[in-house]
Amino acid sequence: MTAFAIGFMNSTSGLDWFELQGAGMLAGMLGCEWQLQSGSDARLAETACVSLRGSLLELQAVTDQLESLRSTAQQRPDFCLRVWSETRQSYLFSPLTQFTWHVLPAHLLSADGSSFRVELKWERDRFFYGDEVALPLSNTSGSGITNGLTLYNHDDPSLGHDNWFDVNLQAVGNFWQLPLRLEVKNTTSGEPLADFWLGSMALPESGTLPNLVFEAESGVGGTVLTDANASSGEYCRYDWSGSAWHSLASWTITSLDVSRVHGIGLLLLMRFFSPPAETNLRLRWKLLVDGMPVWLGPASDLELGQASLRMEPLSIPWGDLPLRSFAMGHQLVLEAFHVGTGAHRLDLDYFLLLPQQTFGAYHAIGALKQNASLIDDQLRQAVWSESGGLELTTHLRVGSGHHLQSGNLQRFYCFQREANGAAPIARTVSIKAWYRPGWRLP
């Protein structure tokens, strides 16, 4: 390493970086000793000592710049260490936290030509990251797409009608988690994109990913009806009466699929073909293993006119299994309750078990209109939107964001909703992604 500096990753000019070692050092700086650390901890504590000798104005300029960096770093998430890697012939970056500095004792500071040393302390990410690389994305509408892959708000046999996309992890060749920057562009006219959810899971070895999208008509129970506005062209109608809890339908999760999702939280998201026509309707899920109930989820209120519902996450398989063999299949049962004693009805299209190995719930506080984009940069831990070349805030993210896993294949799922709770199956977004390759040593 012939040069290293501290500054902000989002800076577009080389003049914005404070050079600690190299040709761009400020007047009065003689050099810097940096104690590079390496280890398995997520954050590494390091120290650097800068030697100074010069006029009062030169020395004051250096300390003023350090204090400005310290103050600004408390307000910006992209403060980092930048090094020039001779091995890779490029700059590498490592995010910094808890940056402090102080002048070492026993030095004269008040005379021209004086010299002293400044000690810098910081904690940094254990990895150094390179420049962003466009990430090829695939689903049934295209393979290896980097200029925007279309996601629909459902998943059925029609070509390209996918609410998911895949990343070939073997092609990336990563051995650890790598930060992602995702761009979600609203390509639907009419109602803006309101709340939406994005989650993923990785397949660590060869095999097939589990089925996490369940059509209502694939369950046992209810009356199957046909309509082109439903996913796969069909939905299920459930009719019941009375004020007690009533089992509407059940779905089987196969032994192989239960084994695949071991240890991964699954967020339940439901799309109704039509909003409920009555108030005071509550839903809950029950989990059965070997025919016996093992888990009863909390009840969720379905508001009048609401055509989609986010319910509490669940864990499958039930319990901590060693998985020396495949887990036993599970059964999900949907139950409904209404305080009224009369007849009740619910029209269900499909539900999604959205994996939360990486996860972001994006809650709308503004409108993401057609052709506007939301950007989620996991390395910077920043989320913002862009419309017409201008930046704005439309959503707040709950969750830590997204990164590439190690393994064979990683699949991301998306569920979209409009402000009135509607979740049209024809709603689309376009996805782009970038990742940064990472190394433990520069």
Protein backbone atom coordinates (compact mmCIF):
# COMPACT_ATOMS: atom_id res chain seq x y z
CA MET A 1 0.00 0.00 0.00
CA THR A 2 1.59 3.24 -1.16
CA ALA A 3 -1.25 5.57 -0.15
CA PHE A 4 -4.17 5.63 2.24
CA ALA A 5 -6.71 8.26 3.24
CA ILE A 6 -9.88 8.82 5.23
CA GLY A 7 -13.02 10.42 3.88
CA PHE A 8 -16.50 9.68 2.59
CA MET A 9 -17.28 6.97 0.11
CA ASN A 10 -19.88 9.10 -1.63
CA SER A 11 -17.33 11.83 -2.40
CA THR A 12 -16.93 12.35 -6.13
CA SER A 13 -13.68 14.35 -5.98
CA GLY A 14 -10.27 13.12 -4.90
CA LEU A 15 -9.80 16.51 -3.21
CA ASP A 16 -12.42 15.50 -0.63
CA TRP A 17 -10.15 12.83 0.87
CA PHE A 18 -7.74 13.49 3.75
CA GLU A 19 -4.51 11.81 2.67
CA LEU A 20 -2.67 10.16 5.57
CA GLN A 21 0.10 8.77 3.37
CA GLY A 22 0.86 9.62 -0.24
CA ALA A 23 1.42 12.48 -2.64
CA GLY A 24 -1.70 14.38 -1.62
CA MET A 25 -0.75 15.00 2.05
CA LEU A 26 -1.32 18.50 3.43
CA ALA A 27 1.65 20.79 3.98
CA GLY A 28 3.30 20.05 7.32
CA MET A 29 2.52 16.32 7.26
CA LEU A 30 5.62 14.10 7.26
CA GLY A 31 3.90 10.72 7.08
CA CYS A 32 1.67 8.29 8.93
CA GLU A 33 2.19 4.97 10.67
CA TRP A 34 -0.87 2.73 10.52
CA GLN A 35 -1.23 -0.44 12.56
CA LEU A 36 -3.25 -2.68 10.22
CA GLN A 37 -5.24 -5.34 12.08
CA SER A 38 -6.75 -8.58 10.83
CA GLY A 39 -9.15 -10.94 12.53
CA SER A 40 -12.53 -12.65 12.50
CA ASP A 41 -14.40 -9.99 14.52
CA ALA A 42 -16.95 -7.91 12.62
CA ARG A 43 -15.18 -4.68 13.71
CA LEU A 44 -11.44 -4.15 14.17
CA ALA A 45 -9.85 -1.43 16.37
CA GLU A 46 -6.88 0.33 14.77
CA THR A 47 -4.49 3.20 15.49
CA ALA A 48 -2.63 5.55 13.16
CA CYS A 49 0.00 8.18 14.13
CA VAL A 50 0.57 11.24 11.93
CA SER A 51 3.90 13.11 12.23
CA LEU A 52 3.76 16.88 11.71
CA ARG A 53 6.30 19.69 11.41
CA GLY A 54 5.65 23.11 9.95
CA SER A 55 4.33 26.60 10.47
CA LEU A 56 1.50 27.40 12.83
CA LEU A 57 -0.87 27.89 9.89
CA GLU A 58 0.11 24.54 8.34
CA LEU A 59 -0.28 22.63 11.60
CA GLN A 60 -3.56 24.35 12.39
CA ALA A 61 -4.91 23.41 8.93
CA VAL A 62 -4.18 19.73 9.59
CA THR A 63 -5.85 19.62 13.01
CA ASP A 64 -8.80 21.66 11.73
CA GLN A 65 -9.30 19.14 8.93
CA LEU A 66 -9.19 16.22 11.38
CA GLU A 67 -11.76 17.85 13.62
CA SER A 68 -14.01 18.58 10.65
CA LEU A 69 -13.84 14.91 9.63
CA ARG A 70 -14.62 13.75 13.18
CA SER A 71 -17.64 16.03 13.41
CA THR A 72 -19.01 15.17 9.95
CA ALA A 73 -18.46 11.42 10.47
CA GLN A 74 -21.01 11.48 13.30
CA GLN A 75 -23.69 12.51 10.81
CA ARG A 76 -22.77 10.45 7.75
CA PRO A 77 -22.75 6.64 7.39
CA ASP A 78 -20.23 6.50 4.53
CA PHE A 79 -17.10 7.51 6.47
CA CYS A 80 -14.34 5.10 5.49
CA LEU A 81 -10.68 4.29 5.09
CA ARG A 82 -9.42 4.26 1.49
CA VAL A 83 -6.25 2.43 0.53
CA TRP A 84 -4.46 1.97 -2.76
CA SER A 85 -3.89 -1.74 -3.37
CA GLU A 86 -0.81 -2.52 -5.41
CA THR A 87 -2.02 -6.11 -5.73
CA ARG A 88 -5.33 -5.16 -7.31
CA GLN A 89 -4.27 -1.81 -8.80
CA SER A 90 -7.35 -0.07 -7.44
CA TYR A 91 -8.69 1.77 -4.41
CA LEU A 92 -10.32 -0.31 -1.68
CA PHE A 93 -12.64 0.97 1.05
CA SER A 94 -13.39 -0.08 4.63
CA PRO A 95 -16.21 1.64 6.60
CA LEU A 96 -15.08 3.38 9.81
CA THR A 97 -16.88 4.02 13.11
CA GLN A 98 -15.96 5.65 16.44
CA PHE A 99 -13.32 7.95 14.94
CA THR A 100 -11.31 10.08 17.43
CA TRP A 101 -8.00 11.95 17.40
CA HIS A 102 -5.72 13.70 19.90
CA VAL A 103 -2.26 15.25 20.03
CA LEU A 104 0.28 13.07 21.82
CA PRO A 105 1.76 14.75 24.96
CA ALA A 106 5.22 16.35 25.42
CA HIS A 107 5.22 18.43 22.24
CA LEU A 108 5.37 22.21 21.70
CA LEU A 109 2.41 23.47 19.71
CA SER A 110 2.80 27.22 19.87
CA ALA A 111 5.86 28.03 17.79
CA ASP A 112 6.68 28.06 14.09
CA GLY A 113 8.68 25.02 13.06
CA SER A 114 7.37 22.95 15.94
CA SER A 115 6.70 19.24 15.49
CA PHE A 116 4.31 16.83 17.13
CA ARG A 117 2.40 13.61 16.52
CA VAL A 118 -1.34 13.11 16.28
CA GLU A 119 -2.88 9.77 17.17
CA LEU A 120 -5.99 8.65 15.31
CA LYS A 121 -8.21 5.84 16.56
CA TRP A 122 -11.07 4.14 14.76
CA GLU A 123 -12.99 0.94 14.38
CA ARG A 124 -13.45 -0.40 10.88
CA ASP A 125 -15.18 -3.21 9.06
CA ARG A 126 -12.99 -6.32 8.86
CA PHE A 127 -13.26 -6.28 5.05
CA PHE A 128 -11.93 -3.99 2.36
CA TYR A 129 -14.35 -3.50 -0.53
CA GLY A 130 -13.67 -2.69 -4.16
CA ASP A 131 -15.67 -0.61 -6.61
CA GLU A 132 -19.25 -1.59 -7.38
CA VAL A 133 -19.92 -4.33 -9.92
CA ALA A 134 -23.27 -4.73 -11.70
CA LEU A 135 -24.95 -7.92 -10.49
CA PRO A 136 -26.64 -10.16 -13.09
CA LEU A 137 -30.23 -11.05 -12.08
CA SER A 138 -32.45 -13.80 -13.45
CA ASN A 139 -36.01 -15.09 -13.43
CA THR A 140 -38.26 -16.58 -16.11
CA SER A 141 -38.35 -13.26 -18.00
CA GLY A 142 -34.59 -13.19 -18.60
CA SER A 143 -31.18 -14.43 -17.46
CA GLY A 144 -28.13 -12.43 -16.42
CA ILE A 145 -29.97 -9.08 -16.64
CA THR A 146 -28.11 -5.98 -15.37
CA ASN A 147 -30.20 -3.17 -16.91
CA GLY A 148 -33.43 -3.80 -14.99
CA LEU A 149 -35.31 -7.05 -14.36
CA THR A 150 -39.11 -6.94 -14.14
CA LEU A 151 -40.91 -8.34 -11.07
CA TYR A 152 -44.67 -8.81 -10.96
CA ASN A 153 -46.74 -8.88 -7.80
CA HIS A 154 -47.48 -12.60 -8.14
CA ASP A 155 -45.89 -15.84 -9.25
CA ASP A 156 -47.68 -18.16 -11.66
CA PRO A 157 -46.76 -20.40 -14.63
CA SER A 158 -46.96 -17.54 -17.16
CA LEU A 159 -43.51 -16.68 -18.50
CA GLY A 160 -42.05 -13.69 -16.65
CA HIS A 161 -44.86 -13.53 -14.07
CA ASP A 162 -42.47 -13.77 -11.12
CA ASN A 163 -42.31 -11.93 -7.80
CA TRP A 164 -38.73 -13.17 -7.35
CA PHE A 165 -35.27 -13.02 -8.87
CA ASP A 166 -32.19 -15.22 -8.55
CA VAL A 167 -28.49 -14.51 -8.14
CA ASN A 168 -25.92 -17.11 -9.20
CA LEU A 169 -23.56 -17.03 -6.21
CA GLN A 170 -21.12 -19.46 -7.80
CA ALA A 171 -20.57 -17.03 -10.67
CA VAL A 172 -19.85 -14.23 -8.17
CA GLY A 173 -17.43 -16.52 -6.33
CA ASN A 174 -17.84 -14.97 -2.91
CA PHE A 175 -16.88 -16.74 0.32
CA TRP A 176 -18.54 -14.30 2.74
CA GLN A 177 -21.29 -11.72 2.89
CA LEU A 178 -20.92 -8.89 0.37
CA PRO A 179 -22.94 -5.65 0.61
CA LEU A 180 -25.54 -4.91 -2.04
CA ARG A 181 -26.95 -1.72 -3.47
CA LEU A 182 -30.44 -2.28 -4.85
CA GLU A 183 -32.53 0.00 -7.05
CA VAL A 184 -36.30 -0.63 -7.11
CA LYS A 185 -38.00 1.35 -9.88
CA ASN A 186 -41.80 1.68 -9.89
CA THR A 187 -42.87 0.83 -13.44
CA THR A 188 -46.63 0.88 -12.72
CA SER A 189 -48.85 3.82 -13.69
CA GLY A 190 -51.71 5.02 -11.54
CA GLU A 191 -51.39 4.47 -7.80
CA PRO A 192 -47.85 4.99 -6.39
CA LEU A 193 -45.98 2.14 -4.74
CA ALA A 194 -46.64 2.24 -0.99
CA ASP A 195 -45.38 -0.38 1.48
CA PHE A 196 -43.35 -3.20 0.01
CA TRP A 197 -41.21 -6.02 1.33
CA LEU A 198 -38.05 -7.62 -0.02
CA GLY A 199 -36.45 -10.70 1.50
CA SER A 200 -34.08 -13.44 0.43
CA MET A 201 -32.63 -16.84 1.25
CA ALA A 202 -29.58 -18.65 -0.09
CA LEU A 203 -29.23 -22.27 -1.11
CA PRO A 204 -25.90 -23.34 0.39
CA GLU A 205 -25.48 -26.38 -1.85
CA SER A 206 -26.93 -28.00 -4.97
CA GLY A 207 -30.64 -28.70 -5.04
CA THR A 208 -33.88 -26.81 -5.52
CA LEU A 209 -35.24 -23.83 -3.64
CA PRO A 210 -38.39 -24.39 -1.56
CA ASN A 211 -41.83 -23.34 -2.70
CA LEU A 212 -42.73 -20.19 -0.76
CA VAL A 213 -45.64 -18.91 -2.87
CA PHE A 214 -48.91 -20.74 -2.19
CA GLU A 215 -51.93 -20.29 -4.43
CA ALA A 216 -55.21 -20.40 -2.50
CA GLU A 217 -56.57 -23.06 -4.88
CA SER A 218 -53.66 -25.40 -4.05
CA GLY A 219 -54.96 -25.81 -0.49
CA VAL A 220 -57.64 -28.10 0.88
CA GLY A 221 -60.87 -26.21 1.53
CA GLY A 222 -62.97 -23.48 -0.05
CA THR A 223 -64.52 -23.10 -3.48
CA VAL A 224 -62.23 -22.50 -6.46
CA LEU A 225 -63.37 -19.66 -8.76
CA THR A 226 -61.93 -18.48 -12.06
CA ASP A 227 -60.95 -14.91 -12.89
CA ALA A 228 -58.20 -13.45 -15.10
CA ASN A 229 -57.35 -10.90 -12.39
CA ALA A 230 -56.24 -13.65 -10.00
CA SER A 231 -52.81 -15.21 -9.85
CA SER A 232 -52.85 -18.33 -12.07
CA GLY A 233 -56.36 -17.27 -13.09
CA GLU A 234 -58.01 -18.77 -9.98
CA TYR A 235 -58.78 -17.89 -6.37
CA CYS A 236 -60.61 -19.49 -3.45
CA ARG A 237 -63.80 -18.37 -1.73
CA TYR A 238 -64.44 -19.36 1.87
CA ASP A 239 -67.97 -19.14 3.33
CA TRP A 240 -68.82 -19.83 6.96
CA SER A 241 -71.16 -18.68 9.67
CA GLY A 242 -71.09 -18.18 13.42
CA SER A 243 -68.91 -16.26 15.87
CA ALA A 244 -66.36 -19.00 16.74
CA TRP A 245 -62.95 -19.56 15.15
CA HIS A 246 -63.40 -21.46 11.89
CA SER A 247 -60.81 -23.42 9.85
CA LEU A 248 -60.95 -22.19 6.24
CA ALA A 249 -58.26 -24.24 4.47
CA SER A 250 -54.91 -25.98 4.87
CA TRP A 251 -51.72 -26.23 2.82
CA THR A 252 -48.93 -28.80 3.03
CA ILE A 253 -45.25 -27.82 3.18
CA THR A 254 -43.26 -30.78 1.95
CA SER A 255 -40.55 -32.54 3.91
CA LEU A 256 -37.86 -31.23 1.54
CA ASP A 257 -39.13 -27.64 1.73
CA VAL A 258 -39.33 -27.72 5.53
CA SER A 259 -35.69 -28.87 5.62
CA ARG A 260 -34.59 -26.12 3.21
CA VAL A 261 -36.03 -23.24 5.29
CA HIS A 262 -34.59 -24.44 8.61
CA GLY A 263 -33.42 -21.45 10.67
CA ILE A 264 -34.90 -18.80 8.34
CA GLY A 265 -37.70 -16.51 9.52
CA LEU A 266 -40.68 -16.41 7.15
CA LEU A 267 -42.92 -13.35 6.95
CA LEU A 268 -46.55 -14.11 6.03
CA LEU A 269 -47.98 -11.80 3.36
CA MET A 270 -51.47 -12.40 1.97
CA ARG A 271 -53.25 -11.12 -1.13
CA PHE A 272 -57.04 -11.24 -1.23
CA PHE A 273 -58.85 -11.36 -4.54
CA SER A 274 -61.39 -8.88 -3.20
CA PRO A 275 -61.40 -6.82 -0.01
CA PRO A 276 -63.62 -8.11 2.82
CA ALA A 277 -67.10 -6.62 2.85
CA GLU A 278 -67.47 -6.58 6.64
CA THR A 279 -65.58 -5.24 9.64
CA ASN A 280 -64.29 -7.12 12.69
CA LEU A 281 -62.76 -9.97 10.69
CA ARG A 282 -59.67 -11.62 12.23
CA LEU A 283 -57.29 -14.21 10.81
CA ARG A 284 -54.63 -16.47 12.30
CA TRP A 285 -52.48 -19.40 11.28
CA LYS A 286 -52.06 -22.76 12.96
CA LEU A 287 -49.12 -25.08 12.34
CA LEU A 288 -49.51 -28.87 12.46
CA VAL A 289 -46.78 -31.51 12.51
CA ASP A 290 -47.71 -35.16 12.12
CA GLY A 291 -51.33 -34.11 12.44
CA MET A 292 -50.84 -32.42 15.82
CA PRO A 293 -51.04 -28.63 16.41
CA VAL A 294 -47.68 -27.24 17.60
CA TRP A 295 -48.06 -23.48 17.07
CA LEU A 296 -50.92 -21.00 17.03
CA GLY A 297 -50.09 -17.59 15.62
CA PRO A 298 -51.44 -14.27 16.91
CA ALA A 299 -54.71 -13.00 15.46
CA SER A 300 -54.50 -10.18 12.89
CA ASP A 301 -57.31 -7.73 12.15
CA LEU A 302 -58.34 -7.45 8.51
CA GLU A 303 -59.71 -3.97 8.01
CA LEU A 304 -62.71 -3.18 5.85
CA GLY A 305 -61.58 -2.67 2.23
CA GLN A 306 -58.07 -3.98 2.86
CA ALA A 307 -56.96 -6.30 0.04
CA SER A 308 -53.67 -7.47 1.54
CA LEU A 309 -52.37 -8.33 4.97
CA ARG A 310 -48.98 -8.63 6.65
CA MET A 311 -49.03 -11.16 9.45
CA GLU A 312 -46.47 -12.16 12.06
CA PRO A 313 -43.39 -14.17 11.00
CA LEU A 314 -43.19 -17.87 11.73
CA SER A 315 -40.36 -20.39 11.94
CA ILE A 316 -40.42 -23.68 10.04
CA PRO A 317 -39.59 -26.38 11.00
CA TRP A 318 -41.07 -26.19 14.47
CA GLY A 319 -38.22 -26.64 16.96
CA ASP A 320 -34.46 -26.95 16.51
CA LEU A 321 -33.77 -30.08 14.45
CA PRO A 322 -30.29 -31.57 13.77
CA LEU A 323 -31.42 -32.44 10.20
CA ARG A 324 -29.36 -35.61 10.00
CA SER A 325 -32.29 -36.68 7.82
CA PHE A 326 -35.08 -34.65 6.23
CA ALA A 327 -37.58 -32.92 8.50
CA MET A 328 -41.18 -34.11 8.59
CA GLY A 329 -43.60 -32.14 6.43
CA HIS A 330 -45.73 -29.43 8.07
CA GLN A 331 -49.30 -28.28 7.54
CA LEU A 332 -50.49 -24.66 7.64
CA VAL A 333 -54.10 -24.04 8.56
CA LEU A 334 -55.82 -20.68 8.04
CA GLU A 335 -58.47 -19.81 10.64
CA ALA A 336 -60.98 -16.93 10.67
CA PHE A 337 -63.09 -15.29 13.36
CA HIS A 338 -65.94 -12.80 13.30
CA VAL A 339 -67.97 -11.49 16.21
CA GLY A 340 -71.17 -11.73 14.21
CA THR A 341 -73.28 -14.88 14.15
CA GLY A 342 -74.35 -14.54 10.53
CA ALA A 343 -72.73 -15.60 7.25
CA HIS A 344 -69.15 -14.51 6.45
CA ARG A 345 -67.01 -14.64 3.32
CA LEU A 346 -63.33 -14.30 2.39
CA ASP A 347 -61.74 -14.42 -1.09
CA LEU A 348 -58.05 -15.41 -0.98
CA ASP A 349 -55.77 -15.31 -4.04
CA TYR A 350 -52.36 -16.39 -2.66
CA PHE A 351 -49.98 -15.98 0.23
CA LEU A 352 -46.20 -15.62 0.34
CA LEU A 353 -43.79 -16.88 2.99
CA LEU A 354 -41.18 -14.17 2.45
CA PRO A 355 -37.75 -15.34 3.71
CA GLN A 356 -35.84 -13.03 6.05
CA GLN A 357 -32.26 -14.24 5.74
CA THR A 358 -31.71 -10.77 4.31
CA PHE A 359 -34.66 -8.44 4.74
CA GLY A 360 -36.09 -4.99 4.25
CA ALA A 361 -39.62 -3.78 5.02
CA TYR A 362 -40.06 -0.45 3.24
CA HIS A 363 -42.78 1.64 4.87
CA ALA A 364 -44.14 4.48 2.77
CA ILE A 365 -44.10 8.01 4.17
CA GLY A 366 -44.39 9.54 0.70
CA ALA A 367 -45.23 8.46 -2.84
CA LEU A 368 -42.94 6.45 -5.12
CA LYS A 369 -44.59 7.39 -8.41
CA GLN A 370 -44.14 5.79 -11.80
CA ASN A 371 -40.49 5.86 -13.02
CA ALA A 372 -39.24 6.94 -9.59
CA SER A 373 -36.72 4.66 -7.89
CA LEU A 374 -35.88 3.66 -4.34
CA ILE A 375 -32.20 2.94 -3.59
CA ASP A 376 -31.07 0.80 -0.66
CA ASP A 377 -27.30 0.86 -0.08
CA GLN A 378 -26.42 -1.71 2.57
CA LEU A 379 -22.77 -0.65 2.91
CA ARG A 380 -23.75 2.94 3.65
CA GLN A 381 -26.87 1.83 5.59
CA ALA A 382 -28.80 4.45 3.65
CA VAL A 383 -32.17 4.40 1.87
CA TRP A 384 -33.42 7.19 -0.37
CA SER A 385 -35.44 7.74 -3.55
CA GLU A 386 -34.79 9.50 -6.85
CA SER A 387 -37.32 11.08 -9.19
CA GLY A 388 -36.51 13.15 -12.25
CA GLY A 389 -32.85 13.36 -11.21
CA LEU A 390 -33.71 14.74 -7.75
CA GLU A 391 -33.43 12.98 -4.39
CA LEU A 392 -36.23 12.62 -1.85
CA THR A 393 -37.40 10.33 0.97
CA THR A 394 -40.44 8.18 0.23
CA HIS A 395 -39.85 5.11 2.45
CA LEU A 396 -38.27 4.12 5.73
CA ARG A 397 -36.64 0.70 5.95
CA VAL A 398 -37.07 -1.73 8.81
CA GLY A 399 -34.40 -4.43 8.69
CA SER A 400 -30.68 -4.44 8.04
CA GLY A 401 -30.82 -4.42 4.25
CA HIS A 402 -29.38 -6.88 1.79
CA HIS A 403 -26.12 -8.61 1.03
CA LEU A 404 -24.92 -11.56 -1.01
CA GLN A 405 -24.60 -14.79 0.92
CA SER A 406 -22.06 -17.52 0.34
CA GLY A 407 -23.47 -20.60 -1.36
CA ASN A 408 -24.92 -21.77 -4.64
CA LEU A 409 -27.99 -19.66 -5.37
CA GLN A 410 -29.78 -16.76 -3.65
CA ARG A 411 -33.41 -15.92 -4.32
CA PHE A 412 -35.11 -12.61 -3.48
CA TYR A 413 -38.90 -12.25 -3.14
CA CYS A 414 -40.92 -9.04 -3.32
CA PHE A 415 -44.47 -8.16 -2.26
CA GLN A 416 -45.97 -4.81 -3.35
CA ARG A 417 -48.88 -2.85 -1.94
CA GLU A 418 -50.65 0.40 -2.71
CA ALA A 419 -51.76 3.00 -0.16
CA ASN A 420 -55.32 1.65 0.03
CA GLY A 421 -54.06 -1.86 0.78
CA ALA A 422 -54.61 -3.16 -2.75
CA ALA A 423 -51.96 -5.47 -4.16
CA PRO A 424 -52.77 -5.84 -7.90
CA ILE A 425 -51.10 -8.83 -9.55
CA ALA A 426 -50.28 -6.68 -12.61
CA ARG A 427 -48.25 -4.23 -10.52
CA THR A 428 -44.56 -4.29 -11.54
CA VAL A 429 -41.20 -2.95 -10.44
CA SER A 430 -37.83 -3.10 -12.17
CA ILE A 431 -34.81 -4.25 -10.14
CA LYS A 432 -31.13 -3.47 -10.56
CA ALA A 433 -28.36 -4.49 -8.17
CA TRP A 434 -24.66 -3.90 -7.58
CA TYR A 435 -22.22 -5.55 -5.20
CA ARG A 436 -18.74 -4.78 -3.95
CA PRO A 437 -16.12 -7.58 -3.92
CA GLY A 438 -14.45 -7.88 -0.53
CA TRP A 439 -11.10 -8.97 0.90
CA ARG A 440 -9.81 -9.30 4.44
CA LEU A 441 -6.48 -7.71 3.48
CA PRO A 442 -5.91 -5.06 0.84
